[in-house]
Amino acid sequence: MSDLAIGRPDGQGTLFRARTVALLLAIGIAGFIAMLVLGAYAPDLRSGRNGGAHALSNAVTGYSGLVKLAEATGRHPRILRDPRQFDTEDLLVVTPETGAVDISAALQERITRPTLFILPKWRTVPDADHGGWARYRGLLPLFEPIGVLAPEYRFTMRQYRSGGGLLTSHMDFGRFWAPRPIQTITGLQRDAGKDRRLTPLLTDKSGGIVLARIGEGPLYVLADPDLLNNRGMKQLDQASAALTLLDWMNSTGAGGIAFDVSMNGFGHSRSPLKLLFEPPFLAMTLAIAAALLLTGLHALGRFGPVRPRERAIAFGKAALVDNSALLIRKAGREARLGGRYAAAVRDRAARAFGAPARFRDGALDDYLDALKGRRRFTDLAQAADAATNRHGLLEAAQALHDWQGEKTE
């Protein structure tokens, strides 16, 4: 039997039009491509509001306030997520959060370019009540800030309670107030030549170094981050002094200030999926997409609209007879129908020739044999019943048909 429905309810034919199917396919393909792109670039699109000490953070230990202030005053700050972007003349601000962070890329690339390393100070935890905020949990142990530039530069450091007051500036870049508590550098464990010498730029009242230049180049280290982080930006004079300090470090004619976040876990991640959407493999991706699109258009033009299948069994008496005959033919039983065909001819001839209704079987055969003709009905009926194959049955049936025809001429 056919698996096609006999009828189709009203309105069902418009459920899956070609336009609807095309729209569904387009939405599905677009969604799949969007999923691939977001999966490849999701790590690069993170906001950075995790309560950390970096340029994207709006926590008290972050530096987003300094970035916004620099932008508002026309200093063109930008966020760097890839160490390959360190090749710039702009001042680079590096804010590692632990001593285990690998800063070798910045040291190697920036040896002759202005670079400021801000050492970590605070141990914090995310604020559960305010997203992106942080709560103090005390000061970091000294091995964390000491380990940032170690072993190349291994400082001796100190953390203590300061009474506030102004820091001593050895250059003309404004006034800074001592944080409470304060973290300072007291010296270098190894001092071998000019490239390892510390030049104090900001010191506290006891001579501890808050800001220093390393060697003779434009490498700077800030021991206490509270001078430039969001906590320090709450005071107007301190914020003004911070901008003056950055301008002084960036006095090589650079056009902006770069803040690195790759060392804070927000760098561009490497993945094979991203290669599909970046040069030089982007051209291959576009070529494959164009080939698939052309293949789809070619398939639509070649095959055209879907043509519904025909029913395996048609409607009507004629179809029923045809299907029954086809079934008998496939079963190889045509020869067994000879006797039944002869009986059908007998009944039709009896009505046509006005045989008495009381005649049955043998009497009816004798009546039909008595009719004038070249051949007797009984002989033809026996030949049809005795047929053993399709060819013999066809000859016997044709003879019966001719016998009846000659009687009606």
Protein backbone atom coordinates (compact mmCIF):
# COMPACT_ATOMS: atom_id res chain seq x y z
CA MET A 1 0.00 0.00 0.00
CA SER A 2 1.06 3.56 -0.55
CA ASP A 3 2.46 5.55 2.35
CA LEU A 4 0.87 8.72 1.01
CA ALA A 5 -2.20 10.17 2.62
CA ILE A 6 -5.46 9.87 0.68
CA GLY A 7 -6.33 13.48 1.37
CA ARG A 8 -4.72 16.60 2.78
CA PRO A 9 -6.49 18.77 5.37
CA ASP A 10 -7.32 22.32 4.43
CA GLY A 11 -4.44 24.72 4.96
CA GLN A 12 -1.83 22.00 5.47
CA GLY A 13 -0.40 22.52 2.03
CA THR A 14 0.92 25.97 3.01
CA LEU A 15 2.81 24.77 6.09
CA PHE A 16 6.12 24.04 4.37
CA ARG A 17 6.30 26.32 1.37
CA ALA A 18 9.59 26.71 -0.42
CA ARG A 19 9.96 30.22 0.95
CA THR A 20 9.40 28.99 4.51
CA VAL A 21 11.96 26.22 4.14
CA ALA A 22 14.49 28.65 2.62
CA LEU A 23 13.95 31.07 5.51
CA LEU A 24 14.43 28.31 8.08
CA LEU A 25 17.62 27.19 6.37
CA ALA A 26 18.95 30.76 6.22
CA ILE A 27 18.24 31.31 9.92
CA GLY A 28 19.86 28.01 10.84
CA ILE A 29 22.99 28.68 8.79
CA ALA A 30 23.31 32.23 10.14
CA GLY A 31 22.90 30.95 13.70
CA PHE A 32 25.54 28.29 13.15
CA ILE A 33 28.02 30.82 11.76
CA ALA A 34 27.31 33.21 14.64
CA MET A 35 27.91 30.38 17.12
CA LEU A 36 31.27 29.62 15.50
CA VAL A 37 32.34 33.28 15.56
CA LEU A 38 31.27 33.80 19.17
CA GLY A 39 32.91 30.54 20.18
CA ALA A 40 36.17 31.71 18.62
CA TYR A 41 36.16 35.27 19.97
CA ALA A 42 34.21 34.98 23.23
CA PRO A 43 37.38 35.01 25.39
CA ASP A 44 38.48 38.23 23.66
CA LEU A 45 35.15 39.96 24.28
CA ARG A 46 35.08 39.62 28.05
CA SER A 47 34.42 42.89 29.84
CA GLY A 48 37.12 42.38 32.45
CA ARG A 49 34.90 43.42 35.34
CA ASN A 50 36.09 40.69 37.66
CA GLY A 51 37.35 42.83 40.52
CA GLY A 52 40.99 42.49 39.45
CA ALA A 53 43.83 44.99 39.32
CA HIS A 54 43.94 45.88 35.63
CA ALA A 55 42.82 48.56 33.19
CA LEU A 56 39.40 46.99 32.54
CA SER A 57 38.43 46.70 36.19
CA ASN A 58 36.19 49.17 37.98
CA ALA A 59 37.07 47.71 41.38
CA VAL A 60 38.97 49.81 43.88
CA THR A 61 42.22 48.12 42.84
CA GLY A 62 41.53 48.50 39.10
CA TYR A 63 42.68 51.20 36.70
CA SER A 64 39.57 51.92 34.65
CA GLY A 65 39.32 55.35 36.29
CA LEU A 66 42.76 56.30 35.00
CA VAL A 67 41.88 55.03 31.53
CA LYS A 68 38.65 57.03 31.44
CA LEU A 69 40.41 60.13 32.75
CA ALA A 70 43.12 59.84 30.10
CA GLU A 71 40.48 59.45 27.42
CA ALA A 72 38.48 62.43 28.66
CA THR A 73 41.59 64.63 28.56
CA GLY A 74 42.61 63.65 25.02
CA ARG A 75 45.52 61.33 25.83
CA HIS A 76 44.20 58.54 23.57
CA PRO A 77 44.46 55.48 25.83
CA ARG A 78 44.02 52.01 24.36
CA ILE A 79 43.78 48.50 25.73
CA LEU A 80 46.29 45.92 24.49
CA ARG A 81 45.27 42.25 24.53
CA ASP A 82 48.16 40.85 22.52
CA PRO A 83 51.90 41.04 23.39
CA ARG A 84 52.59 41.42 19.67
CA GLN A 85 51.19 44.95 20.02
CA PHE A 86 53.99 45.95 22.41
CA ASP A 87 55.97 47.29 19.45
CA THR A 88 54.76 50.87 19.93
CA GLU A 89 56.33 54.14 21.01
CA ASP A 90 53.40 54.87 23.34
CA LEU A 91 53.88 54.53 27.07
CA LEU A 92 52.96 50.96 28.10
CA VAL A 93 51.43 50.42 31.54
CA VAL A 94 51.79 46.83 32.77
CA THR A 95 49.82 45.74 35.85
CA PRO A 96 50.67 42.11 36.81
CA GLU A 97 48.56 40.87 39.71
CA THR A 98 50.97 38.26 41.10
CA GLY A 99 54.67 37.54 41.09
CA ALA A 100 54.11 34.43 38.97
CA VAL A 101 53.07 36.41 35.88
CA ASP A 102 55.53 36.10 33.00
CA ILE A 103 56.49 39.64 31.95
CA SER A 104 59.44 38.63 29.79
CA ALA A 105 57.66 39.77 26.62
CA ALA A 106 57.36 43.32 27.97
CA LEU A 107 60.96 43.38 29.21
CA GLN A 108 62.34 42.19 25.88
CA GLU A 109 60.18 44.35 23.62
CA ARG A 110 60.25 47.52 25.73
CA ILE A 111 63.88 47.81 26.76
CA THR A 112 64.22 51.14 24.91
CA ARG A 113 60.59 52.29 25.05
CA PRO A 114 58.76 53.96 27.96
CA THR A 115 57.21 51.26 30.13
CA LEU A 116 55.70 51.44 33.62
CA PHE A 117 55.45 48.30 35.75
CA ILE A 118 52.97 48.66 38.62
CA LEU A 119 53.61 46.12 41.37
CA PRO A 120 50.66 44.37 43.09
CA LYS A 121 49.81 45.22 46.68
CA TRP A 122 46.34 44.11 47.77
CA ARG A 123 44.79 40.70 48.32
CA THR A 124 41.12 40.99 47.36
CA VAL A 125 38.04 38.86 46.81
CA PRO A 126 35.05 39.65 44.55
CA ASP A 127 32.21 41.56 46.18
CA ALA A 128 29.16 39.30 46.15
CA ASP A 129 26.79 42.28 46.47
CA HIS A 130 28.21 44.36 43.60
CA GLY A 131 29.31 42.84 40.32
CA GLY A 132 32.82 43.87 39.29
CA TRP A 133 33.71 45.20 42.76
CA ALA A 134 36.23 43.76 45.20
CA ARG A 135 36.75 43.62 48.96
CA TYR A 136 40.09 43.96 50.70
CA ARG A 137 41.48 40.90 52.45
CA GLY A 138 44.73 42.50 53.49
CA LEU A 139 48.10 43.05 51.87
CA LEU A 140 49.82 40.56 49.63
CA PRO A 141 52.94 38.91 51.04
CA LEU A 142 56.07 40.71 49.89
CA PHE A 143 57.26 37.84 47.71
CA GLU A 144 54.43 38.65 45.27
CA PRO A 145 55.52 42.20 44.31
CA ILE A 146 59.19 41.21 44.61
CA GLY A 147 58.66 38.31 42.21
CA VAL A 148 57.24 40.44 39.39
CA LEU A 149 60.61 41.59 38.00
CA ALA A 150 62.67 38.78 39.54
CA PRO A 151 65.14 37.31 38.88
CA GLU A 152 66.24 40.09 36.50
CA TYR A 153 65.57 42.72 39.15
CA ARG A 154 65.09 41.42 42.68
CA PHE A 155 64.09 44.20 45.07
CA THR A 156 63.95 44.40 48.80
CA MET A 157 60.62 45.87 49.87
CA ARG A 158 58.71 47.06 52.88
CA GLN A 159 55.05 47.49 53.84
CA TYR A 160 54.15 49.68 56.81
CA ARG A 161 51.61 52.13 58.13
CA SER A 162 52.30 55.61 56.91
CA GLY A 163 50.97 58.74 58.44
CA GLY A 164 49.96 60.10 55.07
CA GLY A 165 51.56 63.32 54.00
CA LEU A 166 53.22 64.34 50.78
CA LEU A 167 55.69 62.16 48.97
CA THR A 168 58.99 63.66 47.93
CA SER A 169 59.13 64.21 44.17
CA HIS A 170 62.54 64.26 42.51
CA MET A 171 61.03 65.42 39.21
CA ASP A 172 58.44 68.02 38.36
CA PHE A 173 55.28 65.94 37.93
CA GLY A 174 52.97 67.15 40.65
CA ARG A 175 52.23 66.22 44.25
CA PHE A 176 51.35 62.76 45.49
CA TRP A 177 50.06 61.82 48.92
CA ALA A 178 51.40 58.76 50.67
CA PRO A 179 48.88 55.88 50.69
CA ARG A 180 47.85 54.24 53.96
CA PRO A 181 49.44 51.72 54.33
CA ILE A 182 52.33 52.23 51.94
CA GLN A 183 54.49 49.78 50.00
CA THR A 184 58.02 50.85 49.10
CA ILE A 185 61.23 49.52 47.58
CA THR A 186 64.21 49.70 49.89
CA GLY A 187 66.86 48.54 47.43
CA LEU A 188 68.15 45.85 45.08
CA GLN A 189 69.46 42.55 46.32
CA ARG A 190 71.97 42.60 43.47
CA ASP A 191 73.40 45.81 42.01
CA ALA A 192 75.75 45.16 39.11
CA GLY A 193 76.23 48.13 36.85
CA LYS A 194 74.12 50.93 35.47
CA ASP A 195 71.47 48.67 33.91
CA ARG A 196 70.44 47.48 37.38
CA ARG A 197 70.64 50.76 39.24
CA LEU A 198 67.47 52.29 40.70
CA THR A 199 66.94 56.02 40.31
CA PRO A 200 64.34 57.27 42.84
CA LEU A 201 61.64 59.52 41.41
CA LEU A 202 59.17 59.44 44.33
CA THR A 203 60.15 58.64 47.90
CA ASP A 204 58.42 58.67 51.25
CA LYS A 205 59.60 60.53 54.33
CA SER A 206 61.83 57.64 55.40
CA GLY A 207 63.53 57.37 52.02
CA GLY A 208 61.61 54.36 50.74
CA ILE A 209 61.27 54.33 46.96
CA VAL A 210 57.69 54.56 45.68
CA LEU A 211 58.54 55.23 42.03
CA ALA A 212 61.90 54.54 40.41
CA ARG A 213 63.60 54.30 37.05
CA ILE A 214 65.46 51.08 36.32
CA GLY A 215 68.87 51.57 34.75
CA GLU A 216 69.42 54.31 32.21
CA GLY A 217 66.47 53.47 29.96
CA PRO A 218 62.81 54.47 30.12
CA LEU A 219 61.75 51.53 32.33
CA TYR A 220 59.87 52.54 35.47
CA VAL A 221 58.53 50.63 38.45
CA LEU A 222 55.78 51.87 40.78
CA ALA A 223 55.95 50.11 44.13
CA ASP A 224 52.56 51.26 45.43
CA PRO A 225 49.61 50.96 43.00
CA ASP A 226 47.37 53.19 45.12
CA LEU A 227 48.85 56.24 43.42
CA LEU A 228 47.26 55.36 40.07
CA ASN A 229 44.44 52.89 40.71
CA ASN A 230 40.79 53.75 41.24
CA ARG A 231 41.41 54.30 44.93
CA GLY A 232 43.94 57.03 44.14
CA MET A 233 41.73 58.67 41.51
CA LYS A 234 39.14 59.72 44.09
CA GLN A 235 41.19 62.82 44.93
CA LEU A 236 41.35 65.60 42.35
CA ASP A 237 44.93 66.68 42.99
CA GLN A 238 46.14 63.09 42.94
CA ALA A 239 44.33 62.43 39.64
CA SER A 240 45.89 65.56 38.14
CA ALA A 241 49.33 64.49 39.35
CA ALA A 242 48.79 61.02 37.84
CA LEU A 243 48.15 62.51 34.39
CA THR A 244 51.21 64.74 34.75
CA LEU A 245 53.29 61.70 35.68
CA LEU A 246 52.11 59.74 32.63
CA ASP A 247 52.83 62.73 30.37
CA TRP A 248 56.34 62.99 31.81
CA MET A 249 57.03 59.30 31.13
CA ASN A 250 55.48 59.63 27.68
CA SER A 251 57.48 62.70 26.68
CA THR A 252 59.08 60.99 23.66
CA GLY A 253 56.44 62.39 21.32
CA ALA A 254 54.16 59.35 21.47
CA GLY A 255 50.54 59.74 20.52
CA GLY A 256 48.84 57.84 23.36
CA ILE A 257 49.02 55.54 26.36
CA ALA A 258 48.73 51.74 26.13
CA PHE A 259 47.38 49.62 28.99
CA ASP A 260 48.20 45.93 28.83
CA VAL A 261 45.64 43.37 30.00
CA SER A 262 47.12 40.28 28.33
CA MET A 263 49.08 39.55 31.50
CA ASN A 264 45.86 39.73 33.49
CA GLY A 265 44.21 36.89 31.57
CA PHE A 266 42.40 38.98 28.98
CA GLY A 267 44.70 38.45 26.03
CA HIS A 268 43.71 37.19 22.62
CA SER A 269 43.42 33.44 23.00
CA ARG A 270 44.86 31.15 20.37
CA SER A 271 42.54 28.55 18.90
CA PRO A 272 42.31 26.69 15.58
CA LEU A 273 38.77 28.01 15.20
CA LYS A 274 39.99 31.62 15.09
CA LEU A 275 42.28 30.78 12.19
CA LEU A 276 39.20 30.33 10.01
CA PHE A 277 38.26 33.99 10.48
CA GLU A 278 41.67 35.64 10.32
CA PRO A 279 44.18 36.14 7.50
CA PRO A 280 45.61 34.24 5.72
CA PHE A 281 43.01 31.49 6.22
CA LEU A 282 40.08 33.90 5.95
CA ALA A 283 40.35 33.76 2.15
CA MET A 284 40.03 29.97 2.24
CA THR A 285 36.97 30.21 4.51
CA LEU A 286 35.28 32.68 2.16
CA ALA A 287 36.10 30.51 -0.85
CA ILE A 288 34.57 27.43 0.80
CA ALA A 289 31.46 29.41 1.79
CA ALA A 290 31.07 30.70 -1.79
CA ALA A 291 31.51 27.18 -3.18
CA LEU A 292 28.83 25.80 -0.84
CA LEU A 293 26.47 28.62 -1.80
CA LEU A 294 26.97 27.98 -5.52
CA THR A 295 26.50 24.24 -4.96
CA GLY A 296 23.18 24.88 -3.26
CA LEU A 297 22.00 27.17 -6.05
CA HIS A 298 23.06 24.60 -8.64
CA ALA A 299 21.14 21.88 -6.82
CA LEU A 300 17.98 24.00 -6.77
CA GLY A 301 18.28 24.79 -10.46
CA ARG A 302 19.00 21.22 -11.45
CA PHE A 303 16.30 19.34 -9.58
CA GLY A 304 13.59 21.99 -9.36
CA PRO A 305 10.68 21.78 -6.94
CA VAL A 306 9.84 18.53 -5.20
CA ARG A 307 7.38 16.41 -7.20
CA PRO A 308 4.93 14.38 -5.11
CA ARG A 309 5.00 10.61 -5.56
CA GLU A 310 2.13 8.82 -7.26
CA ARG A 311 -0.07 6.40 -5.35
CA ALA A 312 0.97 2.76 -5.45
CA ILE A 313 -2.73 1.73 -5.77
CA ALA A 314 -5.04 4.03 -7.70
CA PHE A 315 -8.73 4.65 -6.99
CA GLY A 316 -11.70 3.10 -8.95
CA LYS A 317 -12.96 -0.30 -10.19
CA ALA A 318 -10.70 -0.29 -13.23
CA ALA A 319 -7.69 0.29 -11.01
CA LEU A 320 -8.85 -2.55 -8.75
CA VAL A 321 -9.10 -4.90 -11.75
CA ASP A 322 -5.70 -3.81 -13.06
CA ASN A 323 -4.07 -4.24 -9.69
CA SER A 324 -5.67 -7.68 -9.21
CA ALA A 325 -4.45 -8.79 -12.64
CA LEU A 326 -0.97 -7.49 -11.86
CA LEU A 327 -0.94 -9.39 -8.58
CA ILE A 328 -1.98 -12.64 -10.30
CA ARG A 329 0.63 -12.11 -13.01
CA LYS A 330 3.41 -11.57 -10.47
CA ALA A 331 2.31 -14.75 -8.67
CA GLY A 332 2.45 -16.76 -11.95
CA ARG A 333 -1.11 -18.04 -11.60
CA GLU A 334 -2.64 -16.84 -14.89
CA ALA A 335 -3.09 -20.41 -16.27
CA ARG A 336 -5.44 -21.31 -13.42
CA LEU A 337 -7.95 -18.69 -14.56
CA GLY A 338 -8.92 -20.57 -17.75
CA GLY A 339 -11.88 -22.43 -16.23
CA ARG A 340 -13.24 -19.29 -14.60
CA TYR A 341 -12.95 -17.37 -17.83
CA ALA A 342 -14.85 -20.14 -19.66
CA ALA A 343 -17.58 -19.98 -16.99
CA ALA A 344 -17.83 -16.21 -17.42
CA VAL A 345 -18.20 -16.65 -21.22
CA ARG A 346 -20.85 -19.35 -20.65
CA ASP A 347 -22.97 -17.03 -18.49
CA ARG A 348 -22.61 -14.15 -20.90
CA ALA A 349 -23.52 -16.34 -23.90
CA ALA A 350 -26.54 -17.80 -22.11
CA ARG A 351 -27.94 -14.33 -21.59
CA ALA A 352 -27.04 -13.21 -25.07
CA PHE A 353 -28.54 -16.23 -26.84
CA GLY A 354 -31.68 -16.57 -24.71
CA ALA A 355 -30.94 -19.94 -23.11
CA PRO A 356 -33.79 -21.17 -20.90
CA ALA A 357 -33.27 -20.30 -17.26
CA ARG A 358 -33.79 -23.94 -16.20
CA PHE A 359 -30.62 -25.05 -18.02
CA ARG A 360 -27.67 -25.62 -15.72
CA ASP A 361 -24.13 -26.89 -16.29
CA GLY A 362 -24.26 -29.82 -18.74
CA ALA A 363 -27.67 -28.92 -20.15
CA LEU A 364 -26.49 -25.38 -20.78
CA ASP A 365 -23.30 -26.66 -22.46
CA ASP A 366 -25.39 -28.90 -24.75
CA TYR A 367 -27.57 -25.92 -25.63
CA LEU A 368 -24.53 -23.81 -26.55
CA ASP A 369 -22.95 -26.69 -28.51
CA ALA A 370 -26.14 -26.99 -30.55
CA LEU A 371 -25.70 -23.46 -31.84
CA LYS A 372 -24.41 -23.27 -35.37
CA GLY A 373 -20.69 -22.69 -35.71
CA ARG A 374 -17.38 -24.16 -36.69
CA ARG A 375 -16.39 -25.12 -33.15
CA ARG A 376 -18.22 -26.41 -30.13
CA PHE A 377 -18.29 -24.41 -26.87
CA THR A 378 -17.51 -27.51 -24.77
CA ASP A 379 -14.24 -28.13 -26.63
CA LEU A 380 -13.15 -24.52 -26.21
CA ALA A 381 -14.03 -24.49 -22.48
CA GLN A 382 -12.05 -27.68 -21.89
CA ALA A 383 -9.05 -26.20 -23.74
CA ALA A 384 -9.17 -23.08 -21.55
CA ASP A 385 -9.40 -25.13 -18.36
CA ALA A 386 -6.53 -27.35 -19.46
CA ALA A 387 -4.15 -24.47 -20.25
CA THR A 388 -0.88 -24.78 -18.31
CA ASN A 389 0.87 -21.55 -19.22
CA ARG A 390 0.18 -17.97 -20.08
CA HIS A 391 0.54 -18.51 -23.83
CA GLY A 392 -1.92 -21.45 -23.86
CA LEU A 393 -4.41 -19.53 -21.75
CA LEU A 394 -4.23 -16.55 -24.09
CA GLU A 395 -4.96 -18.75 -27.14
CA ALA A 396 -7.90 -20.49 -25.42
CA ALA A 397 -9.38 -17.18 -24.24
CA GLN A 398 -9.05 -15.73 -27.73
CA ALA A 399 -10.84 -18.77 -29.17
CA LEU A 400 -13.74 -18.37 -26.71
CA HIS A 401 -13.96 -14.69 -27.57
CA ASP A 402 -14.03 -15.48 -31.32
CA TRP A 403 -16.67 -18.21 -30.77
CA GLN A 404 -19.00 -15.73 -29.09
CA GLY A 405 -18.29 -13.12 -31.72
CA GLU A 406 -19.19 -15.34 -34.66
CA LYS A 407 -22.53 -16.17 -33.03
CA THR A 408 -23.51 -12.52 -32.89
CA GLU A 409 -22.55 -11.64 -36.45
